[in-house]
PDB file of N, CA and C in Angstrom:
ATOM      1  N   MET A   1     279.694  48.265 159.504  1.00  0.00           N
ATOM      2  CA  MET A   1     279.703  49.256 158.833  1.00  0.00           C
ATOM      3  C   MET A   1     280.516  50.729 159.203  1.00  0.00           C
ATOM      4  N   PRO A   2     280.387  51.266 157.546  1.00  0.00           N
ATOM      5  CA  PRO A   2     281.125  52.664 158.117  1.00  0.00           C
ATOM      6  C   PRO A   2     280.585  53.076 158.201  1.00  0.00           C
ATOM      7  N   SER A   3     280.950  54.465 159.445  1.00  0.00           N
ATOM      8  CA  SER A   3     279.665  55.733 159.532  1.00  0.00           C
ATOM      9  C   SER A   3     280.964  56.926 159.300  1.00  0.00           C
ATOM     10  N   ARG A   4     279.778  57.957 159.713  1.00  0.00           N
ATOM     11  CA  ARG A   4     280.132  59.530 159.128  1.00  0.00           C
ATOM     12  C   ARG A   4     279.731  60.105 160.243  1.00  0.00           C
ATOM     13  N   VAL A   5     280.326  61.853 160.040  1.00  0.00           N
ATOM     14  CA  VAL A   5     280.534  62.397 160.424  1.00  0.00           C
ATOM     15  C   VAL A   5     279.344  63.340 160.205  1.00  0.00           C
ATOM     16  N   SER A   6     278.413  64.298 161.250  1.00  0.00           N
ATOM     17  CA  SER A   6     277.492  64.732 160.304  1.00  0.00           C
ATOM     18  C   SER A   6     277.741  65.689 161.041  1.00  0.00           C
ATOM     19  N   LYS A   7     277.034  66.786 160.569  1.00  0.00           N
ATOM     20  CA  LYS A   7     277.150  68.184 161.148  1.00  0.00           C
ATOM     21  C   LYS A   7     277.191  68.751 162.098  1.00  0.00           C
ATOM     22  N   GLY A   8     276.708  67.914 163.010  1.00  0.00           N
ATOM     23  CA  GLY A   8     276.858  67.876 164.606  1.00  0.00           C
ATOM     24  C   GLY A   8     277.849  67.876 164.895  1.00  0.00           C
ATOM     25  N   GLY A   9     278.961  67.421 164.287  1.00  0.00           N
ATOM     26  CA  GLY A   9     279.790  66.259 165.052  1.00  0.00           C
ATOM     27  C   GLY A   9     279.775  64.838 165.556  1.00  0.00           C
ATOM     28  N   ARG A  10     278.198  64.134 165.587  1.00  0.00           N
ATOM     29  CA  ARG A  10     278.662  62.569 166.125  1.00  0.00           C
ATOM     30  C   ARG A  10     278.655  62.183 165.164  1.00  0.00           C
ATOM     31  N   GLN A  11     278.327  61.056 165.432  1.00  0.00           N
ATOM     32  CA  GLN A  11     278.989  60.120 164.922  1.00  0.00           C
ATOM     33  C   GLN A  11     277.515  59.062 164.296  1.00  0.00           C
ATOM     34  N   THR A  12     277.416  58.707 162.579  1.00  0.00           N
ATOM     35  CA  THR A  12     276.168  58.238 162.465  1.00  0.00           C
ATOM     36  C   THR A  12     276.205  57.620 161.801  1.00  0.00           C
ATOM     37  N   SER A  13     275.225  56.027 161.491  1.00  0.00           N
ATOM     38  CA  SER A  13     275.097  54.767 160.787  1.00  0.00           C
ATOM     39  C   SER A  13     274.702  55.561 159.250  1.00  0.00           C
ATOM     40  N   THR A  14     275.423  55.228 158.413  1.00  0.00           N
ATOM     41  CA  THR A  14     274.514  55.166 156.990  1.00  0.00           C
ATOM     42  C   THR A  14     273.765  54.123 156.981  1.00  0.00           C
ATOM     43  N   GLY A  15     273.782  53.556 157.549  1.00  0.00           N
ATOM     44  CA  GLY A  15     272.499  51.996 157.176  1.00  0.00           C
ATOM     45  C   GLY A  15     271.323  52.358 157.086  1.00  0.00           C
ATOM     46  N   PRO A  16     270.213  51.526 156.889  1.00  0.00           N
ATOM     47  CA  PRO A  16     269.228  51.940 157.194  1.00  0.00           C
ATOM     48  C   PRO A  16     268.439  52.389 158.341  1.00  0.00           C
ATOM     49  N   THR A  17     268.239  53.340 158.893  1.00  0.00           N
ATOM     50  CA  THR A  17     267.163  54.084 159.982  1.00  0.00           C
ATOM     51  C   THR A  17     265.869  53.826 159.991  1.00  0.00           C
ATOM     52  N   SER A  18     265.397  54.689 161.415  1.00  0.00           N
ATOM     53  CA  SER A  18     263.769  54.633 161.393  1.00  0.00           C
ATOM     54  C   SER A  18     263.266  54.599 161.030  1.00  0.00           C
ATOM     55  N   PRO A  19     262.072  55.253 161.043  1.00  0.00           N
ATOM     56  CA  PRO A  19     260.754  56.309 160.134  1.00  0.00           C
ATOM     57  C   PRO A  19     261.240  57.399 160.173  1.00  0.00           C
ATOM     58  N   VAL A  20     261.399  58.840 159.654  1.00  0.00           N
ATOM     59  CA  VAL A  20     260.851  59.539 160.800  1.00  0.00           C
ATOM     60  C   VAL A  20     259.385  59.715 160.288  1.00  0.00           C
ATOM     61  N   VAL A  21     259.405  60.469 161.686  1.00  0.00           N
ATOM     62  CA  VAL A  21     257.778  60.745 161.562  1.00  0.00           C
ATOM     63  C   VAL A  21     257.804  62.716 161.842  1.00  0.00           C
ATOM     64  N   ARG A  22     256.726  62.895 161.279  1.00  0.00           N
ATOM     65  CA  ARG A  22     257.120  64.453 161.115  1.00  0.00           C
ATOM     66  C   ARG A  22     255.728  64.671 162.683  1.00  0.00           C
ATOM     67  N   ARG A  23     255.517  65.760 162.695  1.00  0.00           N
ATOM     68  CA  ARG A  23     254.643  66.412 164.165  1.00  0.00           C
ATOM     69  C   ARG A  23     254.834  68.246 163.902  1.00  0.00           C
ATOM     70  N   ALA A  24     253.264  67.932 164.132  1.00  0.00           N
ATOM     71  CA  ALA A  24     253.677  69.566 164.374  1.00  0.00           C
ATOM     72  C   ALA A  24     252.946  70.185 165.531  1.00  0.00           C
ATOM     73  N   PHE A  25     253.500  70.915 166.311  1.00  0.00           N
ATOM     74  CA  PHE A  25     253.409  72.220 167.567  1.00  0.00           C
ATOM     75  C   PHE A  25     253.022  72.960 168.184  1.00  0.00           C
ATOM     76  N   SER A  26     253.008  73.512 169.038  1.00  0.00           N
ATOM     77  CA  SER A  26     252.395  75.113 168.860  1.00  0.00           C
ATOM     78  C   SER A  26     253.327  75.360 170.218  1.00  0.00           C
ATOM     79  N   MET A  27     254.032  76.144 170.870  1.00  0.00           N
ATOM     80  CA  MET A  27     254.928  76.962 171.628  1.00  0.00           C
ATOM     81  C   MET A  27     255.098  78.331 171.777  1.00  0.00           C
ATOM     82  N   GLN A  28     255.156  78.776 172.950  1.00  0.00           N
ATOM     83  CA  GLN A  28     254.965  80.572 173.373  1.00  0.00           C
ATOM     84  C   GLN A  28     256.863  80.683 172.461  1.00  0.00           C
ATOM     85  N   GLU A  29     256.105  81.517 172.090  1.00  0.00           N
ATOM     86  CA  GLU A  29     257.631  82.604 171.130  1.00  0.00           C
ATOM     87  C   GLU A  29     258.483  83.088 172.361  1.00  0.00           C
ATOM     88  N   ALA A  30     258.635  83.109 173.506  1.00  0.00           N
ATOM     89  CA  ALA A  30     259.783  82.391 174.509  1.00  0.00           C
ATOM     90  C   ALA A  30     260.277  81.060 174.225  1.00  0.00           C
ATOM     91  N   ASP A  31     259.483  79.996 173.850  1.00  0.00           N
ATOM     92  CA  ASP A  31     259.800  79.334 173.179  1.00  0.00           C
ATOM     93  C   ASP A  31     260.594  78.842 172.202  1.00  0.00           C
ATOM     94  N   ALA A  32     260.682  79.330 171.013  1.00  0.00           N
ATOM     95  CA  ALA A  32     261.159  79.311 170.307  1.00  0.00           C
ATOM     96  C   ALA A  32     262.485  80.009 170.298  1.00  0.00           C
ATOM     97  N   ARG A  33     262.308  81.480 170.886  1.00  0.00           N
ATOM     98  CA  ARG A  33     263.591  81.924 170.860  1.00  0.00           C
ATOM     99  C   ARG A  33     264.709  81.257 171.644  1.00  0.00           C
ATOM    100  N   LEU A  34     263.912  80.525 173.302  1.00  0.00           N
ATOM    101  CA  LEU A  34     264.859  79.224 173.268  1.00  0.00           C
ATOM    102  C   LEU A  34     265.374  78.670 172.428  1.00  0.00           C
ATOM    103  N   ILE A  35     264.657  77.951 172.261  1.00  0.00           N
ATOM    104  CA  ILE A  35     265.630  77.354 170.918  1.00  0.00           C
ATOM    105  C   ILE A  35     266.668  77.699 169.950  1.00  0.00           C
ATOM    106  N   ASP A  36     266.250  78.564 169.031  1.00  0.00           N
ATOM    107  CA  ASP A  36     267.514  79.785 168.808  1.00  0.00           C
ATOM    108  C   ASP A  36     268.520  80.261 169.028  1.00  0.00           C
ATOM    109  N   ALA A  37     268.961  80.953 170.897  1.00  0.00           N
ATOM    110  CA  ALA A  37     269.145  81.154 171.963  1.00  0.00           C
ATOM    111  C   ALA A  37     270.442  79.197 171.767  1.00  0.00           C
ATOM    112  N   LEU A  38     269.575  78.387 172.601  1.00  0.00           N
ATOM    113  CA  LEU A  38     270.718  76.976 172.569  1.00  0.00           C
ATOM    114  C   LEU A  38     271.078  76.502 170.893  1.00  0.00           C
ATOM    115  N   ARG A  39     270.534  76.577 169.798  1.00  0.00           N
ATOM    116  CA  ARG A  39     271.872  76.531 168.548  1.00  0.00           C
ATOM    117  C   ARG A  39     272.551  77.140 168.620  1.00  0.00           C
ATOM    118  N   LEU A  40     272.431  78.504 168.916  1.00  0.00           N
ATOM    119  CA  LEU A  40     273.607  79.103 168.968  1.00  0.00           C
ATOM    120  C   LEU A  40     274.404  79.195 169.774  1.00  0.00           C
ATOM    121  N   ARG A  41     274.389  78.593 170.547  1.00  0.00           N
ATOM    122  CA  ARG A  41     275.220  77.709 172.280  1.00  0.00           C
ATOM    123  C   ARG A  41     275.752  76.694 171.261  1.00  0.00           C
ATOM    124  N   CYS A  42     274.847  76.332 171.540  1.00  0.00           N
ATOM    125  CA  CYS A  42     275.880  74.630 170.700  1.00  0.00           C
ATOM    126  C   CYS A  42     276.664  74.826 169.051  1.00  0.00           C
ATOM    127  N   ALA A  43     276.059  76.281 168.872  1.00  0.00           N
ATOM    128  CA  ALA A  43     277.237  76.590 167.071  1.00  0.00           C
ATOM    129  C   ALA A  43     278.520  76.329 167.603  1.00  0.00           C
ATOM    130  N   THR A  44     278.103  77.823 168.349  1.00  0.00           N
ATOM    131  CA  THR A  44     280.065  78.420 169.490  1.00  0.00           C
ATOM    132  C   THR A  44     280.528  76.698 169.774  1.00  0.00           C
ATOM    133  N   GLN A  45     280.148  76.634 170.336  1.00  0.00           N
ATOM    134  CA  GLN A  45     281.012  75.026 170.591  1.00  0.00           C
ATOM    135  C   GLN A  45     281.077  74.184 169.185  1.00  0.00           C
ATOM    136  N   GLY A  46     280.630  74.887 167.907  1.00  0.00           N
ATOM    137  CA  GLY A  46     280.492  73.991 166.802  1.00  0.00           C
ATOM    138  C   GLY A  46     280.264  72.402 166.752  1.00  0.00           C
ATOM    139  N   MET A  47     278.818  72.900 167.457  1.00  0.00           N
ATOM    140  CA  MET A  47     277.806  71.381 167.536  1.00  0.00           C
ATOM    141  C   MET A  47     276.618  72.803 166.010  1.00  0.00           C
ATOM    142  N   LEU A  48     276.768  72.429 165.394  1.00  0.00           N
ATOM    143  CA  LEU A  48     275.546  72.894 163.933  1.00  0.00           C
ATOM    144  C   LEU A  48     274.397  72.239 163.862  1.00  0.00           C
ATOM    145  N   MET A  49     272.786  73.099 164.754  1.00  0.00           N
ATOM    146  CA  MET A  49     271.624  71.535 165.281  1.00  0.00           C
ATOM    147  C   MET A  49     270.821  72.336 164.970  1.00  0.00           C
ATOM    148  N   ASN A  50     269.725  71.966 164.082  1.00  0.00           N
ATOM    149  CA  ASN A  50     268.618  72.764 163.550  1.00  0.00           C
ATOM    150  C   ASN A  50     267.057  72.413 164.728  1.00  0.00           C
ATOM    151  N   GLN A  51     266.621  73.156 164.526  1.00  0.00           N
ATOM    152  CA  GLN A  51     265.636  73.401 166.032  1.00  0.00           C
ATOM    153  C   GLN A  51     264.839  71.726 165.425  1.00  0.00           C
ATOM    154  N   SER A  52     265.182  70.433 165.500  1.00  0.00           N
ATOM    155  CA  SER A  52     263.793  68.951 165.179  1.00  0.00           C
ATOM    156  C   SER A  52     265.675  68.499 166.355  1.00  0.00           C
ATOM    157  N   GLU A  53     266.360  68.873 166.158  1.00  0.00           N
ATOM    158  CA  GLU A  53     267.376  68.451 166.922  1.00  0.00           C
ATOM    159  C   GLU A  53     268.100  68.527 168.404  1.00  0.00           C
ATOM    160  N   VAL A  54     267.624  70.287 167.790  1.00  0.00           N
ATOM    161  CA  VAL A  54     267.765  71.013 169.818  1.00  0.00           C
ATOM    162  C   VAL A  54     266.051  69.952 170.698  1.00  0.00           C
ATOM    163  N   VAL A  55     265.249  69.630 170.217  1.00  0.00           N
ATOM    164  CA  VAL A  55     264.029  69.383 170.674  1.00  0.00           C
ATOM    165  C   VAL A  55     264.402  67.785 170.992  1.00  0.00           C
ATOM    166  N   ARG A  56     264.714  67.069 169.868  1.00  0.00           N
ATOM    167  CA  ARG A  56     265.257  65.734 170.507  1.00  0.00           C
ATOM    168  C   ARG A  56     265.871  65.865 171.982  1.00  0.00           C
ATOM    169  N   VAL A  57     266.961  66.008 171.683  1.00  0.00           N
ATOM    170  CA  VAL A  57     267.677  66.985 173.376  1.00  0.00           C
ATOM    171  C   VAL A  57     267.020  66.458 173.949  1.00  0.00           C
ATOM    172  N   GLY A  58     266.160  67.592 173.858  1.00  0.00           N
ATOM    173  CA  GLY A  58     265.198  68.659 175.050  1.00  0.00           C
ATOM    174  C   GLY A  58     265.128  66.656 175.838  1.00  0.00           C
ATOM    175  N   LEU A  59     264.121  66.462 174.442  1.00  0.00           N
ATOM    176  CA  LEU A  59     263.427  64.956 175.211  1.00  0.00           C
ATOM    177  C   LEU A  59     263.826  63.858 176.030  1.00  0.00           C
ATOM    178  N   HIS A  60     265.455  63.685 175.206  1.00  0.00           N
ATOM    179  CA  HIS A  60     265.947  63.058 175.563  1.00  0.00           C
ATOM    180  C   HIS A  60     266.014  63.130 177.735  1.00  0.00           C
ATOM    181  N   VAL A  61     266.838  63.945 177.050  1.00  0.00           N
ATOM    182  CA  VAL A  61     267.147  64.903 178.330  1.00  0.00           C
ATOM    183  C   VAL A  61     266.238  64.458 179.630  1.00  0.00           C
ATOM    184  N   LEU A  62     264.571  64.871 178.917  1.00  0.00           N
ATOM    185  CA  LEU A  62     263.578  64.454 180.231  1.00  0.00           C
ATOM    186  C   LEU A  62     263.921  62.851 179.863  1.00  0.00           C
ATOM    187  N   SER A  63     263.995  62.529 178.997  1.00  0.00           N
ATOM    188  CA  SER A  63     263.861  60.376 179.597  1.00  0.00           C
ATOM    189  C   SER A  63     264.339  60.252 180.671  1.00  0.00           C
ATOM    190  N   GLU A  64     265.486  60.674 181.002  1.00  0.00           N
ATOM    191  CA  GLU A  64     266.538  60.457 182.428  1.00  0.00           C
ATOM    192  C   GLU A  64     266.283  61.147 182.928  1.00  0.00           C
ATOM    193  N   MET A  65     265.432  62.129 183.875  1.00  0.00           N
ATOM    194  CA  MET A  65     265.587  62.746 184.164  1.00  0.00           C
ATOM    195  C   MET A  65     264.195  61.309 185.170  1.00  0.00           C
ATOM    196  N   ASN A  66     264.470  61.691 186.824  1.00  0.00           N
ATOM    197  CA  ASN A  66     263.831  60.447 187.339  1.00  0.00           C
ATOM    198  C   ASN A  66     262.490  61.503 187.904  1.00  0.00           C
ATOM    199  N   ASP A  67     261.355  60.876 188.371  1.00  0.00           N
ATOM    200  CA  ASP A  67     259.976  61.592 188.502  1.00  0.00           C
ATOM    201  C   ASP A  67     259.457  62.616 188.836  1.00  0.00           C
ATOM    202  N   GLY A  68     260.446  63.130 190.565  1.00  0.00           N
ATOM    203  CA  GLY A  68     260.446  64.114 190.826  1.00  0.00           C
ATOM    204  C   GLY A  68     261.056  64.810 190.224  1.00  0.00           C
ATOM    205  N   GLU A  69     261.929  64.852 189.289  1.00  0.00           N
ATOM    206  CA  GLU A  69     262.295  65.957 188.786  1.00  0.00           C
ATOM    207  C   GLU A  69     261.933  66.426 187.971  1.00  0.00           C
ATOM    208  N   LEU A  70     260.914  65.146 186.707  1.00  0.00           N
ATOM    209  CA  LEU A  70     259.799  65.312 185.435  1.00  0.00           C
ATOM    210  C   LEU A  70     258.863  66.275 186.028  1.00  0.00           C
ATOM    211  N   LYS A  71     258.494  66.225 187.417  1.00  0.00           N
ATOM    212  CA  LYS A  71     256.978  66.627 188.200  1.00  0.00           C
ATOM    213  C   LYS A  71     257.374  67.595 188.230  1.00  0.00           C
ATOM    214  N   GLU A  72     258.347  67.736 188.644  1.00  0.00           N
ATOM    215  CA  GLU A  72     259.233  69.586 188.984  1.00  0.00           C
ATOM    216  C   GLU A  72     259.326  70.685 187.651  1.00  0.00           C
ATOM    217  N   TRP A  73     259.769  70.048 187.001  1.00  0.00           N
ATOM    218  CA  TRP A  73     259.064  70.741 185.646  1.00  0.00           C
ATOM    219  C   TRP A  73     258.411  71.122 184.783  1.00  0.00           C
ATOM    220  N   ALA A  74     258.338  69.925 184.801  1.00  0.00           N
ATOM    221  CA  ALA A  74     256.459  69.714 183.936  1.00  0.00           C
ATOM    222  C   ALA A  74     255.737  71.107 184.543  1.00  0.00           C
ATOM    223  N   ALA A  75     255.972  71.531 186.334  1.00  0.00           N
ATOM    224  CA  ALA A  75     254.994  72.212 187.010  1.00  0.00           C
ATOM    225  C   ALA A  75     255.345  73.997 186.841  1.00  0.00           C
ATOM    226  N   LYS A  76     256.254  73.598 186.240  1.00  0.00           N
ATOM    227  CA  LYS A  76     256.891  75.253 186.286  1.00  0.00           C
ATOM    228  C   LYS A  76     256.293  75.926 184.701  1.00  0.00           C
ATOM    229  N   LEU A  77     255.561  74.783 184.072  1.00  0.00           N
ATOM    230  CA  LEU A  77     255.468  75.159 182.233  1.00  0.00           C
ATOM    231  C   LEU A  77     254.132  75.696 182.080  1.00  0.00           C
ATOM    232  N   GLU A  78     254.230  76.784 181.487  1.00  0.00           N
ATOM    233  CA  GLU A  78     252.945  77.813 181.330  1.00  0.00           C
ATOM    234  C   GLU A  78     252.290  76.341 180.626  1.00  0.00           C
ATOM    235  N   ARG A  79     250.820  76.623 180.649  1.00  0.00           N
ATOM    236  CA  ARG A  79     250.070  75.462 179.437  1.00  0.00           C
ATOM    237  C   ARG A  79     249.319  76.670 178.500  1.00  0.00           C
ATOM    238  N   LEU A  80     249.148  76.697 177.375  1.00  0.00           N
ATOM    239  CA  LEU A  80     248.384  76.743 176.119  1.00  0.00           C
ATOM    240  C   LEU A  80     247.252  76.037 176.165  1.00  0.00           C
ATOM    241  N   GLY A  81     246.883  77.453 175.913  1.00  0.00           N
ATOM    242  CA  GLY A  81     245.457  77.115 175.240  1.00  0.00           C
ATOM    243  C   GLY A  81     245.229  76.636 174.170  1.00  0.00           C
ATOM    244  N   VAL A  82     243.871  75.714 173.574  1.00  0.00           N
ATOM    245  CA  VAL A  82     243.873  75.206 172.840  1.00  0.00           C
ATOM    246  C   VAL A  82     243.953  76.513 170.839  1.00  0.00           C
ATOM    247  N   VAL A  83     245.432  76.052 170.255  1.00  0.00           N
ATOM    248  CA  VAL A  83     245.083  76.218 168.892  1.00  0.00           C
ATOM    249  C   VAL A  83     245.135  75.755 167.384  1.00  0.00           C
ATOM    250  N   ARG A  84     243.727  76.658 166.998  1.00  0.00           N
ATOM    251  CA  ARG A  84     242.945  76.167 166.092  1.00  0.00           C
ATOM    252  C   ARG A  84     243.986  76.189 164.357  1.00  0.00           C
ATOM    253  N   SER A  85     243.161  75.341 163.572  1.00  0.00           N
ATOM    254  CA  SER A  85     244.470  75.670 162.640  1.00  0.00           C
ATOM    255  C   SER A  85     243.627  76.508 161.898  1.00  0.00           C
ATOM    256  N   LYS A  86     244.146  77.214 160.902  1.00  0.00           N
ATOM    257  CA  LYS A  86     243.188  77.797 159.559  1.00  0.00           C
ATOM    258  C   LYS A  86     242.517  76.423 159.032  1.00  0.00           C
ATOM    259  N   LEU A  87     243.372  75.920 158.657  1.00  0.00           N
ATOM    260  CA  LEU A  87     242.323  74.977 157.871  1.00  0.00           C
ATOM    261  C   LEU A  87     241.677  73.554 158.352  1.00  0.00           C
ATOM    262  N   SER A  88     241.918  73.648 159.527  1.00  0.00           N
ATOM    263  CA  SER A  88     240.305  73.342 159.767  1.00  0.00           C
ATOM    264  C   SER A  88     238.720  73.743 159.772  1.00  0.00           C
ATOM    265  N   LYS A  89     238.714  75.311 159.539  1.00  0.00           N
ATOM    266  CA  LYS A  89     237.487  76.007 159.671  1.00  0.00           C
ATOM    267  C   LYS A  89     236.851  75.563 158.667  1.00  0.00           C
TER     268      LYS A  89
END
């Protein structure tokens, strides 16, 4: 099956893909800036990535951590309060 180079320089298949699931979530402004900084860092290395791709890379890195590392990093994360959507009022 032929493959192509995506904008991030990774090889991807042109065949059928898994379904895409849309999720909405909240984050602190500092976390949003961190995503932008990581995108810029990747771009300087020739990898153009969108916000979703940066988050997905982070998920894969988290999944590779052992339980102790995951627990340590999760404990550092500040918990956010419940954010209510304007549409649910």
